[in-house]
Every structure is written in C-alpha cells, then in structure tokens.
Amino acid sequence: QPMAGKLLDAGHELWIFDVSEVAMKPLLDRQARKAASPKVLADTCEIVVVSLPTLAIFDRALKGPDGLLAGSAIKTLVNTCTVGGPFIRDVEAQCAARGVTVIDAPISGGASGAKAGTLAVMVSGDPSKVSELMPIFRLWGPTIVVAGEKPGAAQAMKLTNNMLYAVAIVATSEAMMMSAKAGVPDAKMLDVLNAGTGRNFATMQLFPNAIVPRTFESGATIDVLLKDVDLAIEQGEELGIPMWVCQAARLVIQHGAGLGRGQQDLSRIFQIVEEGAQRKV
C-alpha cells in the first residue's frame, strides 16, 4: 500500500489488483482503480509493478488466461519482490517471449521505509528502461543502486541484505535475552548497542519499535523471512560458500514456522528465543 500510495501522491493514474479487498481499500478510497484480474491490469497498463509474498503467487499472477502475460497493453514488468536469481531469469525469458521487458527492482527498508519514502531500491535491467523508470523509483526512496543490466544482479544484492537482516534478528534476540536474564534493562542495553559496534537494524528499529513495546508489528511475516533466507542459502551454496551462520539462523526461523507461527510478524522471532529461554521478559 505505501509504495502504491507514493504513485498516487505524485499524481499518477493507478490501477491495482489484489486478492484481498481489505488490502486494496485504502488505495481505492484515494481514487485508485480496481482491475478484475492480473490480465485486466495488463490489458490497461503499459507498466505493471509486482509486489507479492511468494514465488508461487508470483507465478500464478504471471501465467494462465487471467495472468499478466495474457494482457495486451503491458510493456514493462517491474519486480519489487525478493525471488532469487534463477526465478527472475525465468520470468525474464517468459516475458521476453511476449515482448515484455523485465526490470528487477527489489526494495529494502521495511514497512516504515515504505511509508516514509526512504526505501533503498536495487535495480537491474535494460539501462534505457531503468533510466525511464527512475522518477518512479525516486518516489520510493533516495537510495537507488543499479546493480547491472541483467535481472538477477539486483536479486543477489537483495539476498545479501536480507541474509544479514535475518541473522541480525536472531542474534539480537539471543543477545537481548541474555542481557535481560542477567538483569540489564532493555532500554539501557539498546542504548549501549546503538552507540557501539553491535548496532544493526534490529537494535535500531525492530527492538525499540516492535519488540520492547511488545506490539510485534514490523510489516513482514516469519514465512516471508524464511523464504528469503532459503533463497540466500541456495545462492550462497551455488557459489561455494558454506553459509554456516545463515543456516544457524534458519534453524530458529524454521522452528518458528514449524510451531505454526509462519504468518505471524517476524518480530515474534524474539518470542521463540524467549520461550526457549523459558523466561518471559
């Protein structure tokens, strides 16, 4: 919603499709127009921006008689999802066969960054098309990094970022649990971490805003984080990297998903560590 809302803020005519009426309502209330299917969207719009939670959902949105590639107007597909190199290259091949250009543009910065317009956008694809889309990317955030000309380069960049984020969440959860059990108040521990070498996105944003106040609202789920970690490990192993730390973090995230918490907010990973420590802070 926030990224689409930035397009409305800038005066763009916006057509949207989502299986969730609830998700679309805030945009429809702002005069966005609703398409009946991905195909109708692609029959109407030359540029289609995709932001979907899983590879399977992306695949369904793309293919079939009601999919985006069945549309008659679409010329450019902008992917903002974390899907990995092999998947986006397959999407590029399918789109190229229909005369559609793929621009890979995964984003980072979380829900708060999307609302504030401070996202980092990692871009790869045809240089002329990337240049044409720059005004849109700038609506989402000031940091736009062109990774290369082929879809896949931006995915490598995004997976590297998300791998570190996942490890930071798990490691920070363990560290904060340890300090709490040792009797250190959370606020004081975060003051030290954020003034020292332990500072990371989890200590600066996730813990102060979602975990310490126990609202557990970051805007992304454990399942989505697990998907990203799986893709990062797959890429790393393909390149001959052991991925030891990332695999250890994945064990914690997998444990949470195995407990049926996959659709819960990823900030609740702290609760998984908390339960393992058998003490509620």
Protein backbone atom coordinates (compact mmCIF):
# COMPACT_ATOMS: atom_id res chain seq x y z
CA GLN A 1 0.00 0.00 0.00
CA PRO A 2 2.58 2.67 0.92
CA MET A 3 4.60 2.19 -2.29
CA ALA A 4 1.46 2.34 -4.42
CA GLY A 5 0.34 5.33 -2.40
CA LYS A 6 3.51 7.20 -3.38
CA LEU A 7 2.42 6.87 -7.03
CA LEU A 8 -0.93 8.44 -6.17
CA ASP A 9 0.83 11.19 -4.22
CA ALA A 10 2.77 12.04 -7.38
CA GLY A 11 -0.39 12.27 -9.47
CA HIS A 12 -0.09 9.01 -11.40
CA GLU A 13 -3.21 7.20 -12.54
CA LEU A 14 -3.10 3.92 -10.63
CA TRP A 15 -4.77 0.60 -11.39
CA ILE A 16 -4.45 -2.15 -8.80
CA PHE A 17 -5.25 -5.81 -8.30
CA ASP A 18 -5.04 -7.87 -5.12
CA VAL A 19 -6.89 -10.94 -3.91
CA SER A 20 -7.53 -9.03 -0.67
CA GLU A 21 -10.25 -6.39 -0.80
CA VAL A 22 -9.02 -5.13 2.57
CA ALA A 23 -5.56 -4.51 1.15
CA MET A 24 -6.95 -2.54 -1.77
CA LYS A 25 -9.47 -0.42 0.12
CA PRO A 26 -7.15 2.40 1.29
CA LEU A 27 -5.94 2.88 -2.28
CA LEU A 28 -9.41 2.65 -3.79
CA ASP A 29 -10.55 5.26 -1.28
CA ARG A 30 -7.87 7.52 -2.78
CA GLN A 31 -9.22 7.06 -6.33
CA ALA A 32 -7.05 4.16 -7.46
CA ARG A 33 -8.94 1.98 -9.94
CA LYS A 34 -9.56 -1.72 -9.42
CA ALA A 35 -8.77 -4.32 -12.09
CA ALA A 36 -10.78 -7.54 -12.10
CA SER A 37 -7.71 -9.75 -12.69
CA PRO A 38 -3.99 -9.55 -13.47
CA LYS A 39 -4.90 -9.83 -17.16
CA VAL A 40 -7.25 -6.84 -16.98
CA LEU A 41 -4.48 -4.91 -15.26
CA ALA A 42 -2.08 -5.82 -18.08
CA ASP A 43 -4.75 -5.01 -20.69
CA THR A 44 -4.90 -1.49 -19.25
CA CYS A 45 -1.39 -0.56 -18.12
CA GLU A 46 1.90 -0.43 -20.01
CA ILE A 47 3.92 -0.54 -16.77
CA VAL A 48 2.98 -3.15 -14.15
CA VAL A 49 4.66 -3.21 -10.74
CA VAL A 50 4.59 -6.55 -8.92
CA SER A 51 4.88 -6.89 -5.13
CA LEU A 52 3.93 -10.38 -3.96
CA PRO A 53 4.88 -12.54 -0.94
CA THR A 54 5.83 -15.88 -2.52
CA LEU A 55 7.25 -17.30 -5.73
CA ALA A 56 4.17 -19.48 -6.25
CA ILE A 57 1.82 -16.48 -6.07
CA PHE A 58 4.05 -14.54 -8.47
CA ASP A 59 3.99 -17.47 -10.89
CA ARG A 60 0.19 -17.68 -10.76
CA ALA A 61 -0.16 -13.94 -11.32
CA LEU A 62 2.06 -14.17 -14.39
CA LYS A 63 0.69 -17.22 -16.18
CA GLY A 64 -2.63 -18.56 -17.44
CA PRO A 65 -5.59 -16.99 -19.23
CA ASP A 66 -6.07 -14.42 -16.46
CA GLY A 67 -2.36 -13.78 -15.90
CA LEU A 68 -0.31 -10.69 -16.63
CA LEU A 69 1.29 -12.19 -19.73
CA ALA A 70 -2.16 -12.62 -21.28
CA GLY A 71 -2.58 -8.84 -21.23
CA SER A 72 -2.40 -6.76 -24.39
CA ALA A 73 -1.02 -3.42 -23.13
CA ILE A 74 1.80 -4.41 -20.79
CA LYS A 75 5.27 -3.44 -21.99
CA THR A 76 7.29 -3.36 -18.77
CA LEU A 77 7.12 -5.58 -15.68
CA VAL A 78 8.78 -4.11 -12.59
CA ASN A 79 9.51 -6.70 -9.92
CA THR A 80 9.93 -5.42 -6.36
CA CYS A 81 9.88 -8.89 -4.75
CA THR A 82 12.72 -10.99 -3.36
CA VAL A 83 12.62 -14.04 -5.63
CA GLY A 84 16.23 -15.06 -6.31
CA GLY A 85 18.26 -15.08 -9.50
CA PRO A 86 17.00 -18.28 -11.17
CA PHE A 87 13.35 -17.30 -10.73
CA ILE A 88 13.70 -13.77 -12.09
CA ARG A 89 15.72 -15.03 -15.06
CA ASP A 90 12.91 -17.47 -15.83
CA VAL A 91 10.40 -14.62 -15.57
CA GLU A 92 12.56 -12.56 -17.92
CA ALA A 93 12.56 -15.36 -20.50
CA GLN A 94 8.78 -15.75 -20.33
CA CYS A 95 8.25 -12.01 -20.61
CA ALA A 96 10.72 -11.61 -23.47
CA ALA A 97 8.75 -14.17 -25.46
CA ARG A 98 5.75 -11.82 -25.15
CA GLY A 99 7.72 -8.65 -25.87
CA VAL A 100 7.67 -7.51 -22.25
CA THR A 101 10.78 -6.00 -20.62
CA VAL A 102 11.57 -7.03 -17.03
CA ILE A 103 13.17 -4.57 -14.65
CA ASP A 104 14.23 -6.14 -11.38
CA ALA A 105 13.85 -3.65 -8.52
CA PRO A 106 13.71 -5.32 -5.09
CA ILE A 107 13.48 -2.89 -2.20
CA SER A 108 14.74 -2.72 1.37
CA GLY A 109 13.75 -0.60 4.33
CA GLY A 110 10.67 -2.31 5.69
CA ALA A 111 7.15 -1.00 6.16
CA SER A 112 8.40 2.12 7.92
CA GLY A 113 10.70 2.94 5.00
CA ALA A 114 7.88 2.40 2.51
CA LYS A 115 5.64 4.83 4.41
CA ALA A 116 8.37 7.42 4.80
CA GLY A 117 9.63 7.13 1.22
CA THR A 118 13.12 6.18 2.41
CA LEU A 119 13.49 2.74 0.82
CA ALA A 120 16.64 1.51 -0.86
CA VAL A 121 15.90 0.30 -4.40
CA MET A 122 18.26 -2.20 -6.04
CA VAL A 123 17.81 -2.18 -9.81
CA SER A 124 18.95 -4.30 -12.72
CA GLY A 125 17.77 -4.43 -16.31
CA ASP A 126 17.90 -2.58 -19.62
CA PRO A 127 19.69 0.75 -18.98
CA SER A 128 17.32 2.85 -21.09
CA LYS A 129 14.28 1.39 -19.36
CA VAL A 130 15.89 1.81 -15.94
CA SER A 131 16.51 5.47 -16.76
CA GLU A 132 12.88 5.87 -17.82
CA LEU A 133 11.68 4.41 -14.52
CA MET A 134 13.98 6.43 -12.26
CA PRO A 135 11.27 9.02 -11.40
CA ILE A 136 9.11 6.18 -10.04
CA PHE A 137 11.97 4.65 -8.05
CA ARG A 138 12.73 8.07 -6.53
CA LEU A 139 9.19 8.21 -5.16
CA TRP A 140 10.03 5.15 -3.06
CA GLY A 141 13.36 6.30 -1.72
CA PRO A 142 16.54 8.31 -2.26
CA THR A 143 18.93 5.36 -2.42
CA ILE A 144 18.79 3.77 -5.87
CA VAL A 145 21.63 1.44 -6.77
CA VAL A 146 21.93 -0.01 -10.27
CA ALA A 147 23.41 -3.49 -9.86
CA GLY A 148 23.74 -4.39 -13.54
CA GLU A 149 21.95 -4.80 -16.82
CA LYS A 150 20.55 -8.30 -16.35
CA PRO A 151 17.76 -9.32 -13.95
CA GLY A 152 19.43 -11.34 -11.23
CA ALA A 153 22.10 -8.85 -10.24
CA ALA A 154 19.64 -6.91 -8.09
CA GLN A 155 18.42 -10.17 -6.56
CA ALA A 156 21.98 -11.04 -5.47
CA MET A 157 22.21 -7.63 -3.83
CA LYS A 158 18.83 -8.01 -2.09
CA LEU A 159 19.54 -11.53 -0.82
CA THR A 160 22.83 -10.34 0.64
CA ASN A 161 20.95 -7.63 2.52
CA ASN A 162 18.17 -9.94 3.71
CA MET A 163 20.62 -12.61 4.83
CA LEU A 164 22.29 -10.10 7.16
CA TYR A 165 18.90 -8.86 8.37
CA ALA A 166 17.74 -12.37 9.27
CA VAL A 167 20.97 -13.16 11.10
CA ALA A 168 20.74 -9.82 12.94
CA ILE A 169 17.19 -10.54 14.13
CA VAL A 170 18.10 -13.96 15.51
CA ALA A 171 21.44 -12.92 17.01
CA THR A 172 19.99 -9.75 18.55
CA SER A 173 17.11 -11.75 20.03
CA GLU A 174 19.57 -14.11 21.69
CA ALA A 175 21.77 -11.24 22.88
CA MET A 176 18.87 -9.24 24.30
CA MET A 177 17.52 -12.35 26.02
CA MET A 178 20.93 -12.96 27.57
CA SER A 179 21.23 -9.40 28.86
CA ALA A 180 17.67 -9.47 30.22
CA LYS A 181 18.31 -12.67 32.14
CA ALA A 182 21.45 -11.07 33.51
CA GLY A 183 19.30 -8.24 34.86
CA VAL A 184 20.09 -5.50 32.35
CA PRO A 185 17.07 -3.32 31.40
CA ASP A 186 16.22 -3.48 27.70
CA ALA A 187 16.39 0.29 27.18
CA LYS A 188 19.86 0.55 28.69
CA MET A 189 21.12 -2.42 26.67
CA LEU A 190 19.81 -0.88 23.45
CA ASP A 191 21.47 2.44 24.33
CA VAL A 192 24.82 0.66 24.56
CA LEU A 193 24.32 -1.44 21.43
CA ASN A 194 23.23 1.53 19.33
CA ALA A 195 26.23 3.56 20.47
CA GLY A 196 28.63 0.69 19.90
CA THR A 197 29.73 -1.99 17.48
CA GLY A 198 26.65 -4.17 17.99
CA ARG A 199 24.38 -1.66 16.26
CA ASN A 200 22.18 -3.07 13.46
CA PHE A 201 18.67 -2.63 12.04
CA ALA A 202 17.20 -4.91 14.71
CA THR A 203 18.68 -2.86 17.55
CA MET A 204 17.84 0.46 15.93
CA GLN A 205 14.34 -0.24 14.62
CA LEU A 206 12.87 -3.66 15.33
CA PHE A 207 13.51 -3.87 19.07
CA PRO A 208 12.64 -0.27 20.04
CA ASN A 209 9.53 -0.11 17.86
CA ALA A 210 8.09 -3.64 17.83
CA ILE A 211 9.67 -5.95 20.39
CA VAL A 212 10.33 -3.93 23.56
CA PRO A 213 6.81 -2.38 23.47
CA ARG A 214 5.54 -5.88 22.54
CA THR A 215 3.40 -4.64 19.66
CA PHE A 216 5.16 -7.12 17.33
CA GLU A 217 4.33 -5.19 14.18
CA SER A 218 7.08 -4.81 11.60
CA GLY A 219 5.09 -5.42 8.42
CA ALA A 220 6.59 -8.76 7.36
CA THR A 221 5.97 -12.36 8.38
CA ILE A 222 8.18 -15.21 9.55
CA ASP A 223 7.25 -17.15 6.40
CA VAL A 224 8.48 -14.33 4.16
CA LEU A 225 11.75 -14.10 6.10
CA LEU A 226 12.20 -17.87 5.83
CA LYS A 227 11.65 -17.68 2.07
CA ASP A 228 14.34 -15.03 1.78
CA VAL A 229 16.81 -17.00 3.91
CA ASP A 230 16.17 -20.15 1.87
CA LEU A 231 16.93 -18.22 -1.32
CA ALA A 232 20.07 -16.68 0.18
CA ILE A 233 21.41 -20.05 1.32
CA GLU A 234 20.63 -21.56 -2.07
CA GLN A 235 22.53 -18.79 -3.83
CA GLY A 236 25.47 -18.95 -1.43
CA GLU A 237 25.84 -22.70 -1.73
CA GLU A 238 25.67 -22.48 -5.52
CA LEU A 239 28.64 -20.11 -5.29
CA GLY A 240 30.56 -22.47 -3.00
CA ILE A 241 30.08 -20.52 0.25
CA PRO A 242 29.46 -22.63 3.41
CA MET A 243 26.72 -20.29 4.79
CA TRP A 244 27.22 -21.62 8.33
CA VAL A 245 25.81 -18.62 10.20
CA CYS A 246 22.87 -18.18 7.84
CA GLN A 247 21.99 -21.86 8.26
CA ALA A 248 22.06 -21.50 12.04
CA ALA A 249 19.69 -18.52 11.83
CA ARG A 250 17.44 -20.52 9.53
CA LEU A 251 17.06 -23.23 12.18
CA VAL A 252 15.48 -20.70 14.54
CA ILE A 253 13.20 -19.29 11.84
CA GLN A 254 12.20 -22.79 10.69
CA HIS A 255 11.40 -23.69 14.29
CA GLY A 256 9.01 -20.76 14.48
CA ALA A 257 7.33 -21.74 11.22
CA GLY A 258 7.11 -25.33 12.44
CA LEU A 259 5.25 -24.12 15.52
CA GLY A 260 2.57 -22.70 13.23
CA ARG A 261 3.78 -19.13 13.58
CA GLY A 262 4.73 -18.58 9.95
CA GLN A 263 2.04 -15.96 9.35
CA GLN A 264 2.96 -14.06 12.49
CA ASP A 265 5.14 -10.97 12.36
CA LEU A 266 8.85 -11.69 12.08
CA SER A 267 9.49 -9.65 15.23
CA ARG A 268 7.97 -12.57 17.13
CA ILE A 269 11.18 -14.48 16.49
CA PHE A 270 12.18 -12.89 19.78
CA GLN A 271 9.32 -14.76 21.46
CA ILE A 272 10.65 -18.02 20.04
CA VAL A 273 14.01 -17.32 21.67
CA GLU A 274 12.21 -16.15 24.81
CA GLU A 275 10.26 -19.40 25.01
CA GLY A 276 13.48 -21.33 24.50
CA ALA A 277 14.97 -19.48 27.45
CA GLN A 278 11.84 -20.38 29.46
CA ARG A 279 11.51 -16.90 30.81
CA LYS A 280 9.20 -14.09 29.77
CA VAL A 281 10.89 -10.70 29.87
